[in-house]
C-alpha atoms as a PDB file:
ATOM      1  CA  MET A   1      16.406  27.985  33.424  1.00  0.00           C
ATOM      2  CA  SER A   2      17.634  28.299  37.328  1.00  0.00           C
ATOM      3  CA  LEU A   3      15.500  25.841  39.015  1.00  0.00           C
ATOM      4  CA  GLY A   4      18.686  22.663  39.449  1.00  0.00           C
ATOM      5  CA  THR A   5      22.098  22.156  41.000  1.00  0.00           C
ATOM      6  CA  SER A   6      23.621  19.404  39.036  1.00  0.00           C
ATOM      7  CA  LEU A   7      21.965  16.142  39.537  1.00  0.00           C
ATOM      8  CA  GLY A   8      23.735  13.876  42.413  1.00  0.00           C
ATOM      9  CA  PRO A   9      22.769  10.923  44.190  1.00  0.00           C
ATOM     10  CA  MET A  10      19.814  12.937  46.327  1.00  0.00           C
ATOM     11  CA  ALA A  11      18.214  14.509  43.796  1.00  0.00           C
ATOM     12  CA  ALA A  12      14.486  15.050  44.284  1.00  0.00           C
ATOM     13  CA  PRO A  13      12.330  13.478  42.046  1.00  0.00           C
ATOM     14  CA  TRP A  14      11.336  16.716  40.397  1.00  0.00           C
ATOM     15  CA  GLN A  15      14.600  17.754  39.900  1.00  0.00           C
ATOM     16  CA  ILE A  16      15.349  14.546  37.742  1.00  0.00           C
ATOM     17  CA  VAL A  17      12.011  14.811  35.538  1.00  0.00           C
ATOM     18  CA  TYR A  18      13.344  18.657  35.315  1.00  0.00           C
ATOM     19  CA  TYR A  19      16.629  17.936  33.529  1.00  0.00           C
ATOM     20  CA  THR A  20      15.061  15.380  31.653  1.00  0.00           C
ATOM     21  CA  VAL A  21      11.929  16.454  30.223  1.00  0.00           C
ATOM     22  CA  LEU A  22      12.731  19.638  29.581  1.00  0.00           C
ATOM     23  CA  GLN A  23      16.055  19.343  28.357  1.00  0.00           C
ATOM     24  CA  GLY A  24      16.758  21.628  25.353  1.00  0.00           C
ATOM     25  CA  ILE A  25      14.179  24.347  26.439  1.00  0.00           C
ATOM     26  CA  PRO A  26      15.846  27.554  26.163  1.00  0.00           C
ATOM     27  CA  THR A  27      13.082  29.231  28.118  1.00  0.00           C
ATOM     28  CA  THR A  28      11.379  29.740  31.830  1.00  0.00           C
ATOM     29  CA  PHE A  29       7.862  30.770  29.828  1.00  0.00           C
ATOM     30  CA  GLU A  30       8.443  27.831  27.406  1.00  0.00           C
ATOM     31  CA  ALA A  31       8.832  25.446  29.903  1.00  0.00           C
ATOM     32  CA  LEU A  32       6.099  26.655  31.867  1.00  0.00           C
ATOM     33  CA  GLY A  33       3.756  25.788  28.167  1.00  0.00           C
ATOM     34  CA  HIS A  34       5.580  22.794  28.096  1.00  0.00           C
ATOM     35  CA  ILE A  35       4.997  21.719  31.014  1.00  0.00           C
ATOM     36  CA  ALA A  36       1.213  22.244  31.834  1.00  0.00           C
ATOM     37  CA  SER A  37       0.534  20.673  27.557  1.00  0.00           C
ATOM     38  CA  LEU A  38       2.206  17.438  29.342  1.00  0.00           C
ATOM     39  CA  ARG A  39      -0.214  17.934  32.946  1.00  0.00           C
ATOM     40  CA  ALA A  40      -2.833  18.628  30.556  1.00  0.00           C
ATOM     41  CA  GLY A  41      -2.163  15.565  28.821  1.00  0.00           C
ATOM     42  CA  GLU A  42      -2.067  17.416  25.493  1.00  0.00           C
ATOM     43  CA  SER A  43       1.522  16.421  24.938  1.00  0.00           C
ATOM     44  CA  ALA A  44       2.761  12.933  24.905  1.00  0.00           C
ATOM     45  CA  LEU A  45       5.657  12.452  27.225  1.00  0.00           C
ATOM     46  CA  PRO A  46       9.268  12.568  25.466  1.00  0.00           C
ATOM     47  CA  ALA A  47      10.197   9.249  24.265  1.00  0.00           C
ATOM     48  CA  TYR A  48      13.276   8.795  26.623  1.00  0.00           C
ATOM     49  CA  CYS A  49      10.639   8.835  29.701  1.00  0.00           C
ATOM     50  CA  ALA A  50       8.982   5.393  28.138  1.00  0.00           C
ATOM     51  CA  PRO A  51      10.292   2.312  30.041  1.00  0.00           C
ATOM     52  CA  ALA A  52      13.076   1.394  27.253  1.00  0.00           C
ATOM     53  CA  GLY A  53      14.031   4.720  26.890  1.00  0.00           C
ATOM     54  CA  GLY A  54      15.143   5.828  31.037  1.00  0.00           C
ATOM     55  CA  LEU A  55      12.563   7.279  33.111  1.00  0.00           C
ATOM     56  CA  ASP A  56       8.952   5.516  33.963  1.00  0.00           C
ATOM     57  CA  GLU A  57       5.895   7.504  33.341  1.00  0.00           C
ATOM     58  CA  ARG A  58       4.473   6.512  36.402  1.00  0.00           C
ATOM     59  CA  PHE A  59       7.550   8.110  37.931  1.00  0.00           C
ATOM     60  CA  VAL A  60       7.508  11.322  35.732  1.00  0.00           C
ATOM     61  CA  ARG A  61       3.569  11.673  35.945  1.00  0.00           C
ATOM     62  CA  PRO A  62       3.571  12.424  39.283  1.00  0.00           C
ATOM     63  CA  CYS A  63       6.446  14.932  39.725  1.00  0.00           C
ATOM     64  CA  ILE A  64       5.233  16.844  36.824  1.00  0.00           C
ATOM     65  CA  GLY A  65       2.636  18.856  39.358  1.00  0.00           C
ATOM     66  CA  GLU A  66       5.599  19.796  41.580  1.00  0.00           C
ATOM     67  CA  LEU A  67       7.531  20.693  38.279  1.00  0.00           C
ATOM     68  CA  HIS A  68       4.986  23.073  37.118  1.00  0.00           C
ATOM     69  CA  THR A  69       5.006  24.637  40.353  1.00  0.00           C
ATOM     70  CA  ARG A  70       8.121  25.438  40.734  1.00  0.00           C
ATOM     71  CA  VAL A  71       8.887  26.896  37.323  1.00  0.00           C
ATOM     72  CA  PHE A  72       5.437  28.671  37.301  1.00  0.00           C
ATOM     73  CA  GLU A  73       6.981  30.238  40.544  1.00  0.00           C
ATOM     74  CA  ASP A  74      10.301  31.113  39.157  1.00  0.00           C
ATOM     75  CA  TRP A  75       9.010  32.600  36.449  1.00  0.00           C
ATOM     76  CA  LEU A  76       7.238  35.240  38.370  1.00  0.00           C
ATOM     77  CA  LEU A  77       9.956  35.806  40.487  1.00  0.00           C
ATOM     78  CA  SER A  78      12.150  36.776  36.720  1.00  0.00           C
ATOM     79  CA  SER A  79      12.150  40.439  36.183  1.00  0.00           C
ATOM     80  CA  THR A  80      10.106  42.116  33.933  1.00  0.00           C
ATOM     81  CA  THR A  81      12.651  42.377  31.311  1.00  0.00           C
ATOM     82  CA  ALA A  82      13.490  39.166  31.413  1.00  0.00           C
ATOM     83  CA  GLN A  83       9.462  37.908  30.783  1.00  0.00           C
ATOM     84  CA  SER A  84       8.796  39.976  28.270  1.00  0.00           C
ATOM     85  CA  TRP A  85      11.975  38.772  26.655  1.00  0.00           C
ATOM     86  CA  GLU A  86      11.251  35.358  27.043  1.00  0.00           C
ATOM     87  CA  VAL A  87       7.231  36.047  26.196  1.00  0.00           C
ATOM     88  CA  GLY A  88       8.599  37.803  23.150  1.00  0.00           C
ATOM     89  CA  ARG A  89      10.570  35.236  21.930  1.00  0.00           C
ATOM     90  CA  TYR A  90       7.875  32.525  22.392  1.00  0.00           C
ATOM     91  CA  LEU A  91       5.765  34.619  20.474  1.00  0.00           C
ATOM     92  CA  ARG A  92       8.567  35.061  17.718  1.00  0.00           C
ATOM     93  CA  GLU A  93       9.380  31.106  17.196  1.00  0.00           C
ATOM     94  CA  ARG A  94       5.751  30.769  16.650  1.00  0.00           C
ATOM     95  CA  ASP A  95       6.206  33.232  13.739  1.00  0.00           C
ATOM     96  CA  THR A  96       2.864  35.140  14.923  1.00  0.00           C
ATOM     97  CA  ASN A  97       4.250  38.589  17.127  1.00  0.00           C
ATOM     98  CA  SER A  98       0.403  39.534  16.957  1.00  0.00           C
ATOM     99  CA  SER A  99      -0.944  35.427  18.157  1.00  0.00           C
ATOM    100  CA  HIS A 100      -2.116  36.424  21.449  1.00  0.00           C
ATOM    101  CA  ARG A 101      -4.807  37.768  20.341  1.00  0.00           C
ATOM    102  CA  HIS A 102      -6.119  34.031  19.048  1.00  0.00           C
ATOM    103  CA  ILE A 103      -4.362  32.775  22.346  1.00  0.00           C
ATOM    104  CA  PRO A 104      -7.351  32.081  24.812  1.00  0.00           C
ATOM    105  CA  ASN A 105      -7.363  33.680  28.726  1.00  0.00           C
ATOM    106  CA  GLY A 106      -3.657  35.209  27.533  1.00  0.00           C
ATOM    107  CA  PHE A 107      -2.084  31.900  28.714  1.00  0.00           C
ATOM    108  CA  ARG A 108      -4.043  31.533  32.006  1.00  0.00           C
ATOM    109  CA  GLU A 109      -3.837  27.354  31.511  1.00  0.00           C
ATOM    110  CA  TRP A 110      -0.493  27.137  31.929  1.00  0.00           C
ATOM    111  CA  ILE A 111      -0.755  28.007  35.424  1.00  0.00           C
ATOM    112  CA  PRO A 112      -0.358  25.287  37.890  1.00  0.00           C
ATOM    113  CA  GLU A 113      -3.827  24.265  39.450  1.00  0.00           C
ATOM    114  CA  ASP A 114      -2.532  24.653  42.821  1.00  0.00           C
ATOM    115  CA  ALA A 115      -1.471  28.270  42.525  1.00  0.00           C
ATOM    116  CA  VAL A 116      -3.192  30.543  45.232  1.00  0.00           C
ATOM    117  CA  ALA A 117      -4.885  33.177  43.694  1.00  0.00           C
ATOM    118  CA  ALA A 118      -2.477  35.892  44.526  1.00  0.00           C
ATOM    119  CA  THR A 119       0.103  34.435  42.530  1.00  0.00           C
ATOM    120  CA  ARG A 120      -2.459  33.715  39.352  1.00  0.00           C
ATOM    121  CA  GLN A 121      -3.258  37.190  39.363  1.00  0.00           C
ATOM    122  CA  GLN A 122       0.166  38.217  39.328  1.00  0.00           C
ATOM    123  CA  PHE A 123       0.924  35.634  36.222  1.00  0.00           C
ATOM    124  CA  ASP A 124      -2.273  37.069  34.364  1.00  0.00           C
ATOM    125  CA  ALA A 125      -1.546  40.972  34.748  1.00  0.00           C
ATOM    126  CA  ASP A 126       2.223  40.486  33.856  1.00  0.00           C
ATOM    127  CA  VAL A 127       1.182  38.670  30.918  1.00  0.00           C
ATOM    128  CA  ARG A 128      -1.453  41.311  30.180  1.00  0.00           C
ATOM    129  CA  VAL A 129       1.201  43.658  30.639  1.00  0.00           C
ATOM    130  CA  ILE A 130       3.775  42.187  28.248  1.00  0.00           C
ATOM    131  CA  LEU A 131       1.043  41.350  25.084  1.00  0.00           C
ATOM    132  CA  ALA A 132       0.144  44.915  25.456  1.00  0.00           C
ATOM    133  CA  ASP A 133       3.164  46.214  25.049  1.00  0.00           C
ATOM    134  CA  ARG A 134       3.937  44.468  21.960  1.00  0.00           C
ATOM    135  CA  ARG A 135       0.414  45.249  20.159  1.00  0.00           C
END
């Protein structure tokens, strides 16, 4: 993923969250799904976000929205080849190459709440094309 630069003393809060919450997630598409689940409250924040582990949830939660938007935009800007590879990897990692038939709304729940209509449509179209090519 290409969102950040090295953390320095002037790092934005979303950058700090990026380097901690998304640590170890290999692709932008998987990061997008993880952030969407955090934002929806479907996933708990990682243990190191607990007060004893480093970051306070009161600091992390407000940054999740901005980070969600940035990762979403980063994925939209990647090439179709890269997007296809990342979606394929995501599906292979779950060992269900045809699982997109069981995913409601073609990953639409991964779109940030504040995304404009044009980027929502672009994401939906990109994912539909990629999933159709995988059939």
